[in-house]
Amino acid sequence: MKPKKELIRIVRSPEGDIDIDFKGKAPGRGAYLCFSQMCMNKAEKSKMLEKAFGQKIDQEIYEKLRMRLNEGEIN
């Protein structure tokens, strides 16, 4: 368990789109991951986001999240 400020919020919008919620205020269902490549890999392998959102997560979403993580866009 970590404080919310140390986590990344991934959100599924009411339309079903999945993205990173930088401000933590976007409407929709949220799931949290720690800010590391290891957490992202674990989430993908164990299908944690699929379970949290109740829908299949495309590989493109994981690649987009990884790219943003590597670029340091997530604060």
PDB file of N, CA and C in Angstrom:
ATOM      1  N   MET A   1       0.844  -1.177   0.000  1.00  0.00           N
ATOM      2  CA  MET A   1       0.000   0.000   0.000  1.00  0.00           C
ATOM      3  C   MET A   1       0.892   1.244   0.000  1.00  0.00           C
ATOM      4  N   LYS A   2       0.515   2.185  -0.856  1.00  0.00           N
ATOM      5  CA  LYS A   2       1.236   3.445  -0.952  1.00  0.00           C
ATOM      6  C   LYS A   2       0.236   4.586  -0.919  1.00  0.00           C
ATOM      7  N   PRO A   3       0.700   5.783  -0.563  1.00  0.00           N
ATOM      8  CA  PRO A   3      -0.198   6.941  -0.620  1.00  0.00           C
ATOM      9  C   PRO A   3      -0.648   7.199  -2.059  1.00  0.00           C
ATOM     10  N   LYS A   4      -1.840   7.725  -2.207  1.00  0.00           N
ATOM     11  CA  LYS A   4      -2.414   7.989  -3.526  1.00  0.00           C
ATOM     12  C   LYS A   4      -1.517   8.847  -4.403  1.00  0.00           C
ATOM     13  N   LYS A   5      -0.826   9.790  -3.815  1.00  0.00           N
ATOM     14  CA  LYS A   5       0.017  10.702  -4.579  1.00  0.00           C
ATOM     15  C   LYS A   5       1.206  10.005  -5.218  1.00  0.00           C
ATOM     16  N   GLU A   6       1.549   8.813  -4.741  1.00  0.00           N
ATOM     17  CA  GLU A   6       2.677   8.057  -5.291  1.00  0.00           C
ATOM     18  C   GLU A   6       2.224   7.050  -6.352  1.00  0.00           C
ATOM     19  N   LEU A   7       0.946   7.079  -6.695  1.00  0.00           N
ATOM     20  CA  LEU A   7       0.384   6.116  -7.635  1.00  0.00           C
ATOM     21  C   LEU A   7      -0.103   6.798  -8.904  1.00  0.00           C
ATOM     22  N   ILE A   8      -0.237   6.026  -9.954  1.00  0.00           N
ATOM     23  CA  ILE A   8      -0.775   6.477 -11.229  1.00  0.00           C
ATOM     24  C   ILE A   8      -2.232   6.036 -11.278  1.00  0.00           C
ATOM     25  N   ARG A   9      -3.134   6.932 -11.619  1.00  0.00           N
ATOM     26  CA  ARG A   9      -4.547   6.564 -11.768  1.00  0.00           C
ATOM     27  C   ARG A   9      -4.822   6.296 -13.240  1.00  0.00           C
ATOM     28  N   ILE A  10      -5.304   5.106 -13.501  1.00  0.00           N
ATOM     29  CA  ILE A  10      -5.753   4.715 -14.831  1.00  0.00           C
ATOM     30  C   ILE A  10      -7.277   4.757 -14.765  1.00  0.00           C
ATOM     31  N   VAL A  11      -7.907   5.375 -15.755  1.00  0.00           N
ATOM     32  CA  VAL A  11      -9.354   5.557 -15.698  1.00  0.00           C
ATOM     33  C   VAL A  11     -10.026   5.003 -16.952  1.00  0.00           C
ATOM     34  N   ARG A  12     -11.191   4.394 -16.746  1.00  0.00           N
ATOM     35  CA  ARG A  12     -12.059   3.996 -17.860  1.00  0.00           C
ATOM     36  C   ARG A  12     -13.195   5.001 -17.882  1.00  0.00           C
ATOM     37  N   SER A  13     -13.268   5.751 -18.960  1.00  0.00           N
ATOM     38  CA  SER A  13     -14.299   6.784 -19.079  1.00  0.00           C
ATOM     39  C   SER A  13     -15.671   6.141 -19.230  1.00  0.00           C
ATOM     40  N   PRO A  14     -16.737   6.920 -19.061  1.00  0.00           N
ATOM     41  CA  PRO A  14     -18.084   6.376 -19.269  1.00  0.00           C
ATOM     42  C   PRO A  14     -18.288   5.815 -20.681  1.00  0.00           C
ATOM     43  N   GLU A  15     -17.485   6.304 -21.643  1.00  0.00           N
ATOM     44  CA  GLU A  15     -17.575   5.799 -23.024  1.00  0.00           C
ATOM     45  C   GLU A  15     -16.786   4.506 -23.218  1.00  0.00           C
ATOM     46  N   GLY A  16     -15.980   4.122 -22.217  1.00  0.00           N
ATOM     47  CA  GLY A  16     -15.211   2.887 -22.299  1.00  0.00           C
ATOM     48  C   GLY A  16     -13.758   3.074 -22.694  1.00  0.00           C
ATOM     49  N   ASP A  17     -13.315   4.322 -22.874  1.00  0.00           N
ATOM     50  CA  ASP A  17     -11.920   4.588 -23.215  1.00  0.00           C
ATOM     51  C   ASP A  17     -11.059   4.479 -21.967  1.00  0.00           C
ATOM     52  N   ILE A  18      -9.853   3.954 -22.128  1.00  0.00           N
ATOM     53  CA  ILE A  18      -8.934   3.807 -21.009  1.00  0.00           C
ATOM     54  C   ILE A  18      -7.733   4.701 -21.243  1.00  0.00           C
ATOM     55  N   ASP A  19      -7.375   5.478 -20.205  1.00  0.00           N
ATOM     56  CA  ASP A  19      -6.251   6.402 -20.319  1.00  0.00           C
ATOM     57  C   ASP A  19      -5.708   6.703 -18.931  1.00  0.00           C
ATOM     58  N   ILE A  20      -4.599   7.443 -18.898  1.00  0.00           N
ATOM     59  CA  ILE A  20      -4.025   7.895 -17.643  1.00  0.00           C
ATOM     60  C   ILE A  20      -4.755   9.164 -17.222  1.00  0.00           C
ATOM     61  N   ASP A  21      -5.115   9.222 -15.953  1.00  0.00           N
ATOM     62  CA  ASP A  21      -5.762  10.406 -15.392  1.00  0.00           C
ATOM     63  C   ASP A  21      -4.708  11.180 -14.616  1.00  0.00           C
ATOM     64  N   PHE A  22      -4.139  12.204 -15.241  1.00  0.00           N
ATOM     65  CA  PHE A  22      -3.049  12.956 -14.643  1.00  0.00           C
ATOM     66  C   PHE A  22      -3.477  13.755 -13.420  1.00  0.00           C
ATOM     67  N   LYS A  23      -4.695  14.270 -13.420  1.00  0.00           N
ATOM     68  CA  LYS A  23      -5.157  15.118 -12.323  1.00  0.00           C
ATOM     69  C   LYS A  23      -5.912  14.343 -11.246  1.00  0.00           C
ATOM     70  N   GLY A  24      -6.306  13.109 -11.533  1.00  0.00           N
ATOM     71  CA  GLY A  24      -7.032  12.318 -10.553  1.00  0.00           C
ATOM     72  C   GLY A  24      -8.477  12.721 -10.389  1.00  0.00           C
ATOM     73  N   LYS A  25      -9.007  13.459 -11.357  1.00  0.00           N
ATOM     74  CA  LYS A  25     -10.379  13.963 -11.260  1.00  0.00           C
ATOM     75  C   LYS A  25     -11.268  13.540 -12.421  1.00  0.00           C
ATOM     76  N   ALA A  26     -10.740  12.780 -13.352  1.00  0.00           N
ATOM     77  CA  ALA A  26     -11.520  12.394 -14.530  1.00  0.00           C
ATOM     78  C   ALA A  26     -12.691  11.501 -14.134  1.00  0.00           C
ATOM     79  N   PRO A  27     -13.831  11.688 -14.784  1.00  0.00           N
ATOM     80  CA  PRO A  27     -14.984  10.835 -14.468  1.00  0.00           C
ATOM     81  C   PRO A  27     -14.760   9.420 -14.986  1.00  0.00           C
ATOM     82  N   GLY A  28     -15.274   8.473 -14.257  1.00  0.00           N
ATOM     83  CA  GLY A  28     -15.166   7.083 -14.671  1.00  0.00           C
ATOM     84  C   GLY A  28     -14.563   6.218 -13.582  1.00  0.00           C
ATOM     85  N   ARG A  29     -14.405   4.971 -13.901  1.00  0.00           N
ATOM     86  CA  ARG A  29     -13.859   3.978 -12.970  1.00  0.00           C
ATOM     87  C   ARG A  29     -12.348   4.101 -12.957  1.00  0.00           C
ATOM     88  N   GLY A  30     -11.755   4.184 -11.785  1.00  0.00           N
ATOM     89  CA  GLY A  30     -10.314   4.331 -11.676  1.00  0.00           C
ATOM     90  C   GLY A  30      -9.650   3.109 -11.073  1.00  0.00           C
ATOM     91  N   ALA A  31      -8.407   2.896 -11.473  1.00  0.00           N
ATOM     92  CA  ALA A  31      -7.551   1.873 -10.896  1.00  0.00           C
ATOM     93  C   ALA A  31      -6.181   2.503 -10.715  1.00  0.00           C
ATOM     94  N   TYR A  32      -5.450   2.062  -9.710  1.00  0.00           N
ATOM     95  CA  TYR A  32      -4.169   2.679  -9.388  1.00  0.00           C
ATOM     96  C   TYR A  32      -3.024   1.690  -9.556  1.00  0.00           C
ATOM     97  N   LEU A  33      -1.910   2.207 -10.090  1.00  0.00           N
ATOM     98  CA  LEU A  33      -0.671   1.449 -10.230  1.00  0.00           C
ATOM     99  C   LEU A  33       0.461   2.276  -9.656  1.00  0.00           C
ATOM    100  N   CYS A  34       1.490   1.590  -9.156  1.00  0.00           N
ATOM    101  CA  CYS A  34       2.663   2.338  -8.706  1.00  0.00           C
ATOM    102  C   CYS A  34       3.451   2.813  -9.933  1.00  0.00           C
ATOM    103  N   PHE A  35       4.273   3.807  -9.721  1.00  0.00           N
ATOM    104  CA  PHE A  35       5.005   4.467 -10.790  1.00  0.00           C
ATOM    105  C   PHE A  35       6.302   3.716 -11.083  1.00  0.00           C
ATOM    106  N   SER A  36       6.182   2.532 -11.695  1.00  0.00           N
ATOM    107  CA  SER A  36       7.376   1.784 -12.072  1.00  0.00           C
ATOM    108  C   SER A  36       7.044   0.822 -13.208  1.00  0.00           C
ATOM    109  N   GLN A  37       8.071   0.489 -13.947  1.00  0.00           N
ATOM    110  CA  GLN A  37       7.928  -0.459 -15.045  1.00  0.00           C
ATOM    111  C   GLN A  37       7.536  -1.840 -14.500  1.00  0.00           C
ATOM    112  N   MET A  38       8.066  -2.193 -13.337  1.00  0.00           N
ATOM    113  CA  MET A  38       7.766  -3.486 -12.729  1.00  0.00           C
ATOM    114  C   MET A  38       6.269  -3.611 -12.425  1.00  0.00           C
ATOM    115  N   CYS A  39       5.677  -2.551 -11.903  1.00  0.00           N
ATOM    116  CA  CYS A  39       4.237  -2.584 -11.612  1.00  0.00           C
ATOM    117  C   CYS A  39       3.424  -2.722 -12.893  1.00  0.00           C
ATOM    118  N   MET A  40       3.841  -2.014 -13.931  1.00  0.00           N
ATOM    119  CA  MET A  40       3.142  -2.091 -15.213  1.00  0.00           C
ATOM    120  C   MET A  40       3.204  -3.516 -15.768  1.00  0.00           C
ATOM    121  N   ASN A  41       4.373  -4.140 -15.695  1.00  0.00           N
ATOM    122  CA  ASN A  41       4.523  -5.509 -16.180  1.00  0.00           C
ATOM    123  C   ASN A  41       3.668  -6.483 -15.376  1.00  0.00           C
ATOM    124  N   LYS A  42       3.656  -6.302 -14.060  1.00  0.00           N
ATOM    125  CA  LYS A  42       2.854  -7.163 -13.193  1.00  0.00           C
ATOM    126  C   LYS A  42       1.360  -7.001 -13.484  1.00  0.00           C
ATOM    127  N   ALA A  43       0.935  -5.749 -13.673  1.00  0.00           N
ATOM    128  CA  ALA A  43      -0.474  -5.486 -13.976  1.00  0.00           C
ATOM    129  C   ALA A  43      -0.882  -6.143 -15.289  1.00  0.00           C
ATOM    130  N   GLU A  44      -0.009  -6.077 -16.282  1.00  0.00           N
ATOM    131  CA  GLU A  44      -0.319  -6.687 -17.573  1.00  0.00           C
ATOM    132  C   GLU A  44      -0.348  -8.210 -17.474  1.00  0.00           C
ATOM    133  N   LYS A  45       0.642  -8.785 -16.825  1.00  0.00           N
ATOM    134  CA  LYS A  45       0.743 -10.243 -16.723  1.00  0.00           C
ATOM    135  C   LYS A  45      -0.426 -10.849 -15.946  1.00  0.00           C
ATOM    136  N   SER A  46      -0.813 -10.196 -14.857  1.00  0.00           N
ATOM    137  CA  SER A  46      -1.898 -10.731 -14.022  1.00  0.00           C
ATOM    138  C   SER A  46      -3.279 -10.227 -14.431  1.00  0.00           C
ATOM    139  N   LYS A  47      -3.315  -9.374 -15.481  1.00  0.00           N
ATOM    140  CA  LYS A  47      -4.572  -8.828 -15.992  1.00  0.00           C
ATOM    141  C   LYS A  47      -5.327  -8.034 -14.917  1.00  0.00           C
ATOM    142  N   MET A  48      -4.571  -7.304 -14.107  1.00  0.00           N
ATOM    143  CA  MET A  48      -5.170  -6.529 -13.024  1.00  0.00           C
ATOM    144  C   MET A  48      -6.128  -5.454 -13.530  1.00  0.00           C
ATOM    145  N   LEU A  49      -5.746  -4.774 -14.610  1.00  0.00           N
ATOM    146  CA  LEU A  49      -6.627  -3.728 -15.143  1.00  0.00           C
ATOM    147  C   LEU A  49      -7.889  -4.323 -15.751  1.00  0.00           C
ATOM    148  N   GLU A  50      -7.759  -5.460 -16.397  1.00  0.00           N
ATOM    149  CA  GLU A  50      -8.943  -6.121 -16.963  1.00  0.00           C
ATOM    150  C   GLU A  50      -9.924  -6.486 -15.861  1.00  0.00           C
ATOM    151  N   LYS A  51      -9.405  -6.966 -14.755  1.00  0.00           N
ATOM    152  CA  LYS A  51     -10.273  -7.327 -13.633  1.00  0.00           C
ATOM    153  C   LYS A  51     -10.908  -6.081 -13.018  1.00  0.00           C
ATOM    154  N   ALA A  52     -10.133  -5.019 -12.886  1.00  0.00           N
ATOM    155  CA  ALA A  52     -10.649  -3.787 -12.272  1.00  0.00           C
ATOM    156  C   ALA A  52     -11.733  -3.138 -13.128  1.00  0.00           C
ATOM    157  N   PHE A  53     -11.549  -3.166 -14.450  1.00  0.00           N
ATOM    158  CA  PHE A  53     -12.481  -2.488 -15.339  1.00  0.00           C
ATOM    159  C   PHE A  53     -13.546  -3.398 -15.929  1.00  0.00           C
ATOM    160  N   GLY A  54     -13.386  -4.693 -15.781  1.00  0.00           N
ATOM    161  CA  GLY A  54     -14.387  -5.617 -16.296  1.00  0.00           C
ATOM    162  C   GLY A  54     -14.448  -5.662 -17.814  1.00  0.00           C
ATOM    163  N   GLN A  55     -13.327  -5.388 -18.457  1.00  0.00           N
ATOM    164  CA  GLN A  55     -13.275  -5.461 -19.922  1.00  0.00           C
ATOM    165  C   GLN A  55     -11.853  -5.797 -20.361  1.00  0.00           C
ATOM    166  N   LYS A  56     -11.734  -6.282 -21.575  1.00  0.00           N
ATOM    167  CA  LYS A  56     -10.429  -6.618 -22.121  1.00  0.00           C
ATOM    168  C   LYS A  56      -9.647  -5.334 -22.402  1.00  0.00           C
ATOM    169  N   ILE A  57      -8.368  -5.367 -22.060  1.00  0.00           N
ATOM    170  CA  ILE A  57      -7.485  -4.232 -22.291  1.00  0.00           C
ATOM    171  C   ILE A  57      -6.569  -4.580 -23.459  1.00  0.00           C
ATOM    172  N   ASP A  58      -6.618  -3.757 -24.504  1.00  0.00           N
ATOM    173  CA  ASP A  58      -5.779  -3.991 -25.677  1.00  0.00           C
ATOM    174  C   ASP A  58      -4.310  -3.784 -25.346  1.00  0.00           C
ATOM    175  N   GLN A  59      -3.461  -4.496 -26.059  1.00  0.00           N
ATOM    176  CA  GLN A  59      -2.021  -4.354 -25.889  1.00  0.00           C
ATOM    177  C   GLN A  59      -1.580  -2.913 -26.150  1.00  0.00           C
ATOM    178  N   GLU A  60      -2.276  -2.234 -27.044  1.00  0.00           N
ATOM    179  CA  GLU A  60      -1.954  -0.838 -27.367  1.00  0.00           C
ATOM    180  C   GLU A  60      -2.025   0.059 -26.136  1.00  0.00           C
ATOM    181  N   ILE A  61      -2.968  -0.214 -25.256  1.00  0.00           N
ATOM    182  CA  ILE A  61      -3.120   0.581 -24.039  1.00  0.00           C
ATOM    183  C   ILE A  61      -1.886   0.417 -23.161  1.00  0.00           C
ATOM    184  N   TYR A  62      -1.435  -0.821 -22.984  1.00  0.00           N
ATOM    185  CA  TYR A  62      -0.237  -1.060 -22.174  1.00  0.00           C
ATOM    186  C   TYR A  62       0.981  -0.391 -22.794  1.00  0.00           C
ATOM    187  N   GLU A  63       1.093  -0.433 -24.103  1.00  0.00           N
ATOM    188  CA  GLU A  63       2.224   0.202 -24.778  1.00  0.00           C
ATOM    189  C   GLU A  63       2.176   1.726 -24.586  1.00  0.00           C
ATOM    190  N   LYS A  64       0.985   2.287 -24.674  1.00  0.00           N
ATOM    191  CA  LYS A  64       0.819   3.729 -24.472  1.00  0.00           C
ATOM    192  C   LYS A  64       1.197   4.117 -23.042  1.00  0.00           C
ATOM    193  N   LEU A  65       0.764   3.327 -22.073  1.00  0.00           N
ATOM    194  CA  LEU A  65       1.091   3.591 -20.684  1.00  0.00           C
ATOM    195  C   LEU A  65       2.598   3.476 -20.453  1.00  0.00           C
ATOM    196  N   ARG A  66       3.224   2.456 -21.024  1.00  0.00           N
ATOM    197  CA  ARG A  66       4.671   2.282 -20.893  1.00  0.00           C
ATOM    198  C   ARG A  66       5.430   3.459 -21.512  1.00  0.00           C
ATOM    199  N   MET A  67       4.976   3.890 -22.678  1.00  0.00           N
ATOM    200  CA  MET A  67       5.632   4.997 -23.352  1.00  0.00           C
ATOM    201  C   MET A  67       5.586   6.259 -22.478  1.00  0.00           C
ATOM    202  N   ARG A  68       4.427   6.535 -21.904  1.00  0.00           N
ATOM    203  CA  ARG A  68       4.293   7.704 -21.035  1.00  0.00           C
ATOM    204  C   ARG A  68       5.126   7.542 -19.770  1.00  0.00           C
ATOM    205  N   LEU A  69       5.189   6.332 -19.252  1.00  0.00           N
ATOM    206  CA  LEU A  69       5.990   6.065 -18.071  1.00  0.00           C
ATOM    207  C   LEU A  69       7.475   6.317 -18.367  1.00  0.00           C
ATOM    208  N   ASN A  70       7.930   5.834 -19.504  1.00  0.00           N
ATOM    209  CA  ASN A  70       9.330   6.008 -19.899  1.00  0.00           C
ATOM    210  C   ASN A  70       9.671   7.460 -20.195  1.00  0.00           C
ATOM    211  N   GLU A  71       8.714   8.206 -20.712  1.00  0.00           N
ATOM    212  CA  GLU A  71       8.945   9.614 -21.027  1.00  0.00           C
ATOM    213  C   GLU A  71       8.896  10.492 -19.777  1.00  0.00           C
ATOM    214  N   GLY A  72       8.440   9.898 -18.681  1.00  0.00           N
ATOM    215  CA  GLY A  72       8.367  10.659 -17.443  1.00  0.00           C
ATOM    216  C   GLY A  72       7.222  11.640 -17.403  1.00  0.00           C
ATOM    217  N   GLU A  73       6.197  11.413 -18.227  1.00  0.00           N
ATOM    218  CA  GLU A  73       5.052  12.323 -18.253  1.00  0.00           C
ATOM    219  C   GLU A  73       4.185  12.186 -17.024  1.00  0.00           C
ATOM    220  N   ILE A  74       4.299  11.088 -16.334  1.00  0.00           N
ATOM    221  CA  ILE A  74       3.428  10.828 -15.204  1.00  0.00           C
ATOM    222  C   ILE A  74       4.089  11.365 -13.949  1.00  0.00           C
ATOM    223  N   ASN A  75       3.401  12.221 -13.255  1.00  0.00           N
ATOM    224  CA  ASN A  75       3.950  12.804 -12.022  1.00  0.00           C
ATOM    225  C   ASN A  75       3.170  12.316 -10.848  1.00  0.00           C
TER     226      ASN A  75
END
